[in-house]
Amino acid sequence: PGAWLEGQMKHLAPCALLLVEGVKCAPIPKLEVWRAETGEALLHPNDPHIVAVASDAKVDTRLPLLDLNDADGIASFVLKETRLV
């Protein structure tokens, strides 16, 4: 997946920000989106590339925890994290 993503990115360069979904294995900064109701385990304890968690539930994490229902707050975090603001 990482090589595929890099190849696609070459077609988009230059760009200031590229958001991708579903590329779990790539060594890129990631935002984990997690809902308790899925019953799935959190990924961030085992993925050092996850920089924050967006959830609609209480999550025990040392990473920034974002409200999944606050699109403006998530967008603000992404822009600050990428230093675009």
C-alpha atoms as a PDB file:
ATOM      1  CA  PRO A   1       0.000   0.000   0.000  1.00  0.00           C
ATOM      2  CA  GLY A   2       2.798   2.477   0.750  1.00  0.00           C
ATOM      3  CA  ALA A   3       4.374   2.224  -2.717  1.00  0.00           C
ATOM      4  CA  TRP A   4       0.970   2.550  -4.382  1.00  0.00           C
ATOM      5  CA  LEU A   5       0.219   5.679  -2.369  1.00  0.00           C
ATOM      6  CA  GLU A   6       3.595   7.211  -3.195  1.00  0.00           C
ATOM      7  CA  GLY A   7       2.972   6.592  -6.887  1.00  0.00           C
ATOM      8  CA  GLN A   8      -0.415   8.277  -6.722  1.00  0.00           C
ATOM      9  CA  MET A   9       1.015  11.225  -4.808  1.00  0.00           C
ATOM     10  CA  LYS A  10       3.437  11.943  -7.643  1.00  0.00           C
ATOM     11  CA  HIS A  11       0.459  12.645  -9.897  1.00  0.00           C
ATOM     12  CA  LEU A  12      -0.907  15.197  -7.425  1.00  0.00           C
ATOM     13  CA  ALA A  13       2.297  17.084  -6.633  1.00  0.00           C
ATOM     14  CA  PRO A  14       2.559  19.787  -5.704  1.00  0.00           C
ATOM     15  CA  CYS A  15      -0.249  19.933  -3.188  1.00  0.00           C
ATOM     16  CA  ALA A  16      -0.349  21.292   0.345  1.00  0.00           C
ATOM     17  CA  LEU A  17      -2.531  18.596   1.886  1.00  0.00           C
ATOM     18  CA  LEU A  18      -3.685  15.169   0.764  1.00  0.00           C
ATOM     19  CA  LEU A  19      -6.280  13.260   2.778  1.00  0.00           C
ATOM     20  CA  VAL A  20      -6.577   9.537   2.145  1.00  0.00           C
ATOM     21  CA  GLU A  21      -8.882   6.973   3.693  1.00  0.00           C
ATOM     22  CA  GLY A  22      -8.284   3.310   4.374  1.00  0.00           C
ATOM     23  CA  VAL A  23      -4.499   3.188   3.980  1.00  0.00           C
ATOM     24  CA  LYS A  24      -3.756   1.622   7.353  1.00  0.00           C
ATOM     25  CA  CYS A  25      -0.316   0.196   6.591  1.00  0.00           C
ATOM     26  CA  ALA A  26       1.358   3.283   5.113  1.00  0.00           C
ATOM     27  CA  PRO A  27       3.949   5.033   7.309  1.00  0.00           C
ATOM     28  CA  ILE A  28       2.151   8.401   7.149  1.00  0.00           C
ATOM     29  CA  PRO A  29       0.573  10.546   9.876  1.00  0.00           C
ATOM     30  CA  LYS A  30      -2.909   9.173  10.567  1.00  0.00           C
ATOM     31  CA  LEU A  31      -6.065  10.062  12.423  1.00  0.00           C
ATOM     32  CA  GLU A  32      -7.760   6.993  13.865  1.00  0.00           C
ATOM     33  CA  VAL A  33     -11.552   7.126  13.624  1.00  0.00           C
ATOM     34  CA  TRP A  34     -13.042   4.778  16.198  1.00  0.00           C
ATOM     35  CA  ARG A  35     -16.551   3.944  17.355  1.00  0.00           C
ATOM     36  CA  ALA A  36     -17.068   1.734  20.402  1.00  0.00           C
ATOM     37  CA  GLU A  37     -20.160   0.129  18.859  1.00  0.00           C
ATOM     38  CA  THR A  38     -18.034  -1.638  16.224  1.00  0.00           C
ATOM     39  CA  GLY A  39     -16.393  -3.781  18.888  1.00  0.00           C
ATOM     40  CA  GLU A  40     -13.063  -3.522  17.070  1.00  0.00           C
ATOM     41  CA  ALA A  41      -9.812  -2.898  18.901  1.00  0.00           C
ATOM     42  CA  LEU A  42      -8.107   0.473  18.734  1.00  0.00           C
ATOM     43  CA  LEU A  43      -5.208   0.641  16.281  1.00  0.00           C
ATOM     44  CA  HIS A  44      -3.178   3.453  17.837  1.00  0.00           C
ATOM     45  CA  PRO A  45      -1.486   1.450  20.578  1.00  0.00           C
ATOM     46  CA  ASN A  46       0.304  -0.543  17.849  1.00  0.00           C
ATOM     47  CA  ASP A  47       0.728   2.130  15.162  1.00  0.00           C
ATOM     48  CA  PRO A  48       3.228   4.904  15.920  1.00  0.00           C
ATOM     49  CA  HIS A  49       2.008   6.875  12.892  1.00  0.00           C
ATOM     50  CA  ILE A  50      -1.405   7.606  14.444  1.00  0.00           C
ATOM     51  CA  VAL A  51      -1.275  11.176  15.781  1.00  0.00           C
ATOM     52  CA  ALA A  52      -4.816  11.473  17.220  1.00  0.00           C
ATOM     53  CA  VAL A  53      -8.054   9.584  17.774  1.00  0.00           C
ATOM     54  CA  ALA A  54     -11.489  10.838  16.707  1.00  0.00           C
ATOM     55  CA  SER A  55     -14.285   9.051  18.538  1.00  0.00           C
ATOM     56  CA  ASP A  56     -17.826   9.385  19.768  1.00  0.00           C
ATOM     57  CA  ALA A  57     -16.859   7.521  22.962  1.00  0.00           C
ATOM     58  CA  LYS A  58     -14.443   7.935  25.854  1.00  0.00           C
ATOM     59  CA  VAL A  59     -11.060   6.521  24.817  1.00  0.00           C
ATOM     60  CA  ASP A  60      -8.133   5.859  27.138  1.00  0.00           C
ATOM     61  CA  THR A  61      -5.264   7.364  25.168  1.00  0.00           C
ATOM     62  CA  ARG A  62      -2.335   9.725  25.543  1.00  0.00           C
ATOM     63  CA  LEU A  63      -2.954  11.005  22.036  1.00  0.00           C
ATOM     64  CA  PRO A  64      -5.196  13.985  21.347  1.00  0.00           C
ATOM     65  CA  LEU A  65      -8.822  12.817  21.537  1.00  0.00           C
ATOM     66  CA  LEU A  66     -11.149  14.563  19.100  1.00  0.00           C
ATOM     67  CA  ASP A  67     -14.943  14.558  19.143  1.00  0.00           C
ATOM     68  CA  LEU A  68     -16.011  12.570  16.097  1.00  0.00           C
ATOM     69  CA  ASN A  69     -19.103  14.767  15.776  1.00  0.00           C
ATOM     70  CA  ASP A  70     -17.084  18.022  15.694  1.00  0.00           C
ATOM     71  CA  ALA A  71     -16.032  18.358  12.054  1.00  0.00           C
ATOM     72  CA  ASP A  72     -14.724  21.904  12.598  1.00  0.00           C
ATOM     73  CA  GLY A  73     -12.600  20.767  15.543  1.00  0.00           C
ATOM     74  CA  ILE A  74     -11.150  17.873  13.549  1.00  0.00           C
ATOM     75  CA  ALA A  75     -10.419  20.143  10.577  1.00  0.00           C
ATOM     76  CA  SER A  76      -8.722  22.648  12.890  1.00  0.00           C
ATOM     77  CA  PHE A  77      -6.561  19.883  14.402  1.00  0.00           C
ATOM     78  CA  VAL A  78      -5.522  18.615  10.942  1.00  0.00           C
ATOM     79  CA  LEU A  79      -4.592  22.103   9.765  1.00  0.00           C
ATOM     80  CA  LYS A  80      -2.554  22.804  12.917  1.00  0.00           C
ATOM     81  CA  GLU A  81      -0.885  19.371  12.792  1.00  0.00           C
ATOM     82  CA  THR A  82       0.147  19.938   9.175  1.00  0.00           C
ATOM     83  CA  ARG A  83       1.153  23.529   9.952  1.00  0.00           C
ATOM     84  CA  LEU A  84      -1.153  24.941   7.287  1.00  0.00           C
ATOM     85  CA  VAL A  85      -2.482  27.591   9.689  1.00  0.00           C
END
